[in-house]
Amino acid sequence: MSRIFLALGAVNAFLCVALGALGSHGLKSVLTANMLANFQIGVQYHFYHAIGLMLVGLTMERLPQVRALKFSGMLMMAGIVLFSGTLYIVSLTGWRGMGIVAPLGGSSFMVGWLLLAYAVWKNKSA
C-alpha cells in the first residue's frame, strides 16, 4: 500500500508542475486575474497534498500495520480531487455552482492530516 501512495504522490506532483506551467503560461491571457488566482490556489494545495501522499507512503513503510495511514492517504487524495479539482473546474469553466464542493475537499485535507498525526503519535515505534 505504501507504494501506491508514493506513486500517487509522485504522479500528482508531476501534475502540479504541469498545471502550474499551464496556469502561468497558457492561461494567463485567457483567465481573469481572479480566476487565475483561484487556479493557482488549486495548484498550491494540490502540491502540498502530493507531498502529503508521499509522506503517508513513507510513514506506512515504517508503520505498515497502522490503518489510520491508509485512510489519511485516501482522504488526501479525495481532497485533491474535491478541492483542487473544483478550483480547476470553476477557473476554467466559470461554473461557480461547482464551488460548493470545495469545502468537502478542504475537510478531507484537514482530517487526512489529523489522521497522519494520530497514527504517528499513537504508535510509539515511529
C-alpha atoms as a PDB file:
ATOM      1  CA  MET A   1       0.000   0.000   0.000  1.00  0.00           C
ATOM      2  CA  SER A   2       2.881   2.388   0.694  1.00  0.00           C
ATOM      3  CA  ARG A   3       3.966   2.073  -2.956  1.00  0.00           C
ATOM      4  CA  ILE A   4       0.518   3.199  -4.073  1.00  0.00           C
ATOM      5  CA  PHE A   5       0.650   6.396  -2.017  1.00  0.00           C
ATOM      6  CA  LEU A   6       4.251   7.086  -3.026  1.00  0.00           C
ATOM      7  CA  ALA A   7       3.329   6.657  -6.696  1.00  0.00           C
ATOM      8  CA  LEU A   8       0.148   8.739  -6.327  1.00  0.00           C
ATOM      9  CA  GLY A   9       2.191  11.482  -4.679  1.00  0.00           C
ATOM     10  CA  ALA A  10       4.783  11.482  -7.442  1.00  0.00           C
ATOM     11  CA  VAL A  11       2.179  11.483 -10.233  1.00  0.00           C
ATOM     12  CA  ASN A  12       0.272  14.287  -8.521  1.00  0.00           C
ATOM     13  CA  ALA A  13       3.481  16.300  -8.080  1.00  0.00           C
ATOM     14  CA  PHE A  14       4.079  15.917 -11.827  1.00  0.00           C
ATOM     15  CA  LEU A  15       0.514  17.116 -12.482  1.00  0.00           C
ATOM     16  CA  CYS A  16       1.113  20.122 -10.233  1.00  0.00           C
ATOM     17  CA  VAL A  17       4.156  21.187 -12.207  1.00  0.00           C
ATOM     18  CA  ALA A  18       2.282  20.722 -15.496  1.00  0.00           C
ATOM     19  CA  LEU A  19      -0.827  22.569 -14.254  1.00  0.00           C
ATOM     20  CA  GLY A  20       1.289  25.318 -12.719  1.00  0.00           C
ATOM     21  CA  ALA A  21       3.050  25.845 -16.035  1.00  0.00           C
ATOM     22  CA  LEU A  22      -0.289  25.828 -17.840  1.00  0.00           C
ATOM     23  CA  GLY A  23      -1.612  28.455 -15.454  1.00  0.00           C
ATOM     24  CA  SER A  24       1.487  30.650 -15.677  1.00  0.00           C
ATOM     25  CA  HIS A  25       1.928  30.469 -19.428  1.00  0.00           C
ATOM     26  CA  GLY A  26      -1.154  29.164 -21.177  1.00  0.00           C
ATOM     27  CA  LEU A  27      -3.976  30.611 -19.112  1.00  0.00           C
ATOM     28  CA  LYS A  28      -2.509  33.990 -18.173  1.00  0.00           C
ATOM     29  CA  SER A  29      -4.066  35.715 -21.173  1.00  0.00           C
ATOM     30  CA  VAL A  30      -7.295  33.677 -21.096  1.00  0.00           C
ATOM     31  CA  LEU A  31      -8.467  33.876 -17.479  1.00  0.00           C
ATOM     32  CA  THR A  32      -9.315  36.903 -15.391  1.00  0.00           C
ATOM     33  CA  ALA A  33      -6.865  37.717 -12.610  1.00  0.00           C
ATOM     34  CA  ASN A  34      -9.349  36.369 -10.043  1.00  0.00           C
ATOM     35  CA  MET A  35      -9.881  33.081 -11.892  1.00  0.00           C
ATOM     36  CA  LEU A  36      -6.133  32.674 -12.432  1.00  0.00           C
ATOM     37  CA  ALA A  37      -5.573  33.234  -8.694  1.00  0.00           C
ATOM     38  CA  ASN A  38      -8.169  30.532  -7.929  1.00  0.00           C
ATOM     39  CA  PHE A  39      -6.455  28.165 -10.359  1.00  0.00           C
ATOM     40  CA  GLN A  40      -3.082  28.812  -8.704  1.00  0.00           C
ATOM     41  CA  ILE A  41      -4.568  28.161  -5.239  1.00  0.00           C
ATOM     42  CA  GLY A  42      -5.772  24.816  -6.581  1.00  0.00           C
ATOM     43  CA  VAL A  43      -2.249  24.036  -7.798  1.00  0.00           C
ATOM     44  CA  GLN A  44      -0.716  25.153  -4.497  1.00  0.00           C
ATOM     45  CA  TYR A  45      -2.929  22.926  -2.352  1.00  0.00           C
ATOM     46  CA  HIS A  46      -2.605  20.110  -4.872  1.00  0.00           C
ATOM     47  CA  PHE A  47       1.180  20.285  -4.481  1.00  0.00           C
ATOM     48  CA  TYR A  48       1.060  20.316  -0.673  1.00  0.00           C
ATOM     49  CA  HIS A  49      -1.046  17.198  -0.698  1.00  0.00           C
ATOM     50  CA  ALA A  50       1.010  15.432  -3.344  1.00  0.00           C
ATOM     51  CA  ILE A  51       3.840  15.756  -0.842  1.00  0.00           C
ATOM     52  CA  GLY A  52       1.429  14.660   1.886  1.00  0.00           C
ATOM     53  CA  LEU A  53       0.679  11.477  -0.059  1.00  0.00           C
ATOM     54  CA  MET A  54       4.381  10.735  -0.260  1.00  0.00           C
ATOM     55  CA  LEU A  55       4.723  11.332   3.491  1.00  0.00           C
ATOM     56  CA  VAL A  56       1.891   8.893   4.108  1.00  0.00           C
ATOM     57  CA  GLY A  57       3.601   6.329   1.874  1.00  0.00           C
ATOM     58  CA  LEU A  58       6.918   6.734   3.676  1.00  0.00           C
ATOM     59  CA  THR A  59       5.254   6.545   7.072  1.00  0.00           C
ATOM     60  CA  MET A  60       3.443   3.370   6.012  1.00  0.00           C
ATOM     61  CA  GLU A  61       6.818   1.779   5.376  1.00  0.00           C
ATOM     62  CA  ARG A  62       7.724   2.444   8.997  1.00  0.00           C
ATOM     63  CA  LEU A  63       4.286   1.596  10.419  1.00  0.00           C
ATOM     64  CA  PRO A  64       2.718  -0.881   7.966  1.00  0.00           C
ATOM     65  CA  GLN A  65       0.116  -2.152  10.434  1.00  0.00           C
ATOM     66  CA  VAL A  66      -1.499   1.246  11.116  1.00  0.00           C
ATOM     67  CA  ARG A  67      -4.838   1.507   9.310  1.00  0.00           C
ATOM     68  CA  ALA A  68      -5.224   5.232  10.003  1.00  0.00           C
ATOM     69  CA  LEU A  69      -2.441   5.889   7.499  1.00  0.00           C
ATOM     70  CA  LYS A  70      -4.417   4.286   4.683  1.00  0.00           C
ATOM     71  CA  PHE A  71      -7.398   6.486   5.478  1.00  0.00           C
ATOM     72  CA  SER A  72      -5.140   9.531   5.743  1.00  0.00           C
ATOM     73  CA  GLY A  73      -3.841   8.936   2.220  1.00  0.00           C
ATOM     74  CA  MET A  74      -7.301   8.236   0.863  1.00  0.00           C
ATOM     75  CA  LEU A  75      -8.615  11.482   2.350  1.00  0.00           C
ATOM     76  CA  MET A  76      -5.691  13.489   0.956  1.00  0.00           C
ATOM     77  CA  MET A  77      -6.353  12.033  -2.492  1.00  0.00           C
ATOM     78  CA  ALA A  78     -10.062  12.774  -2.149  1.00  0.00           C
ATOM     79  CA  GLY A  79      -9.201  16.312  -1.087  1.00  0.00           C
ATOM     80  CA  ILE A  80      -7.058  16.805  -4.184  1.00  0.00           C
ATOM     81  CA  VAL A  81      -9.956  15.764  -6.396  1.00  0.00           C
ATOM     82  CA  LEU A  82     -12.644  17.656  -4.475  1.00  0.00           C
ATOM     83  CA  PHE A  83     -10.770  20.835  -3.537  1.00  0.00           C
ATOM     84  CA  SER A  84      -8.185  21.391  -6.238  1.00  0.00           C
ATOM     85  CA  GLY A  85     -10.325  19.731  -8.907  1.00  0.00           C
ATOM     86  CA  THR A  86     -13.202  22.043  -8.071  1.00  0.00           C
ATOM     87  CA  LEU A  87     -10.972  25.119  -8.274  1.00  0.00           C
ATOM     88  CA  TYR A  88      -9.658  23.964 -11.657  1.00  0.00           C
ATOM     89  CA  ILE A  89     -13.187  23.422 -12.998  1.00  0.00           C
ATOM     90  CA  VAL A  90     -14.515  26.724 -11.649  1.00  0.00           C
ATOM     91  CA  SER A  91     -11.498  28.639 -13.009  1.00  0.00           C
ATOM     92  CA  LEU A  92     -11.654  27.074 -16.466  1.00  0.00           C
ATOM     93  CA  THR A  93     -15.424  26.999 -16.945  1.00  0.00           C
ATOM     94  CA  GLY A  94     -16.721  29.804 -14.744  1.00  0.00           C
ATOM     95  CA  TRP A  95     -19.246  27.337 -13.292  1.00  0.00           C
ATOM     96  CA  ARG A  96     -19.399  28.828  -9.810  1.00  0.00           C
ATOM     97  CA  GLY A  97     -22.084  26.421  -8.595  1.00  0.00           C
ATOM     98  CA  MET A  98     -19.414  23.744  -8.511  1.00  0.00           C
ATOM     99  CA  GLY A  99     -17.641  25.737  -5.780  1.00  0.00           C
ATOM    100  CA  ILE A 100     -19.902  24.211  -3.148  1.00  0.00           C
ATOM    101  CA  VAL A 101     -17.835  21.002  -3.402  1.00  0.00           C
ATOM    102  CA  ALA A 102     -14.526  22.654  -2.399  1.00  0.00           C
ATOM    103  CA  PRO A 103     -15.237  22.710   1.366  1.00  0.00           C
ATOM    104  CA  LEU A 104     -15.653  18.920   1.291  1.00  0.00           C
ATOM    105  CA  GLY A 105     -12.169  18.702  -0.175  1.00  0.00           C
ATOM    106  CA  GLY A 106     -10.790  21.095   2.427  1.00  0.00           C
ATOM    107  CA  SER A 107     -12.347  18.992   5.174  1.00  0.00           C
ATOM    108  CA  SER A 108     -10.810  15.873   3.628  1.00  0.00           C
ATOM    109  CA  PHE A 109      -7.404  17.552   3.695  1.00  0.00           C
ATOM    110  CA  MET A 110      -7.751  18.505   7.364  1.00  0.00           C
ATOM    111  CA  VAL A 111      -8.955  15.086   8.525  1.00  0.00           C
ATOM    112  CA  GLY A 112      -6.228  13.423   6.450  1.00  0.00           C
ATOM    113  CA  TRP A 113      -3.529  15.426   8.218  1.00  0.00           C
ATOM    114  CA  LEU A 114      -5.101  14.756  11.625  1.00  0.00           C
ATOM    115  CA  LEU A 115      -5.149  11.023  10.909  1.00  0.00           C
ATOM    116  CA  LEU A 116      -1.491  11.141   9.929  1.00  0.00           C
ATOM    117  CA  ALA A 117      -0.669  12.927  13.195  1.00  0.00           C
ATOM    118  CA  TYR A 118      -2.788  10.457  15.174  1.00  0.00           C
ATOM    119  CA  ALA A 119      -1.137   7.457  13.523  1.00  0.00           C
ATOM    120  CA  VAL A 120       2.360   8.698  14.312  1.00  0.00           C
ATOM    121  CA  TRP A 121       1.525   9.846  17.843  1.00  0.00           C
ATOM    122  CA  LYS A 122      -0.363   6.675  18.777  1.00  0.00           C
ATOM    123  CA  ASN A 123       2.398   4.335  17.584  1.00  0.00           C
ATOM    124  CA  LYS A 124       5.395   4.727  19.816  1.00  0.00           C
ATOM    125  CA  SER A 125       7.627   2.769  17.425  1.00  0.00           C
ATOM    126  CA  ALA A 126       7.650   5.660  14.932  1.00  0.00           C
END
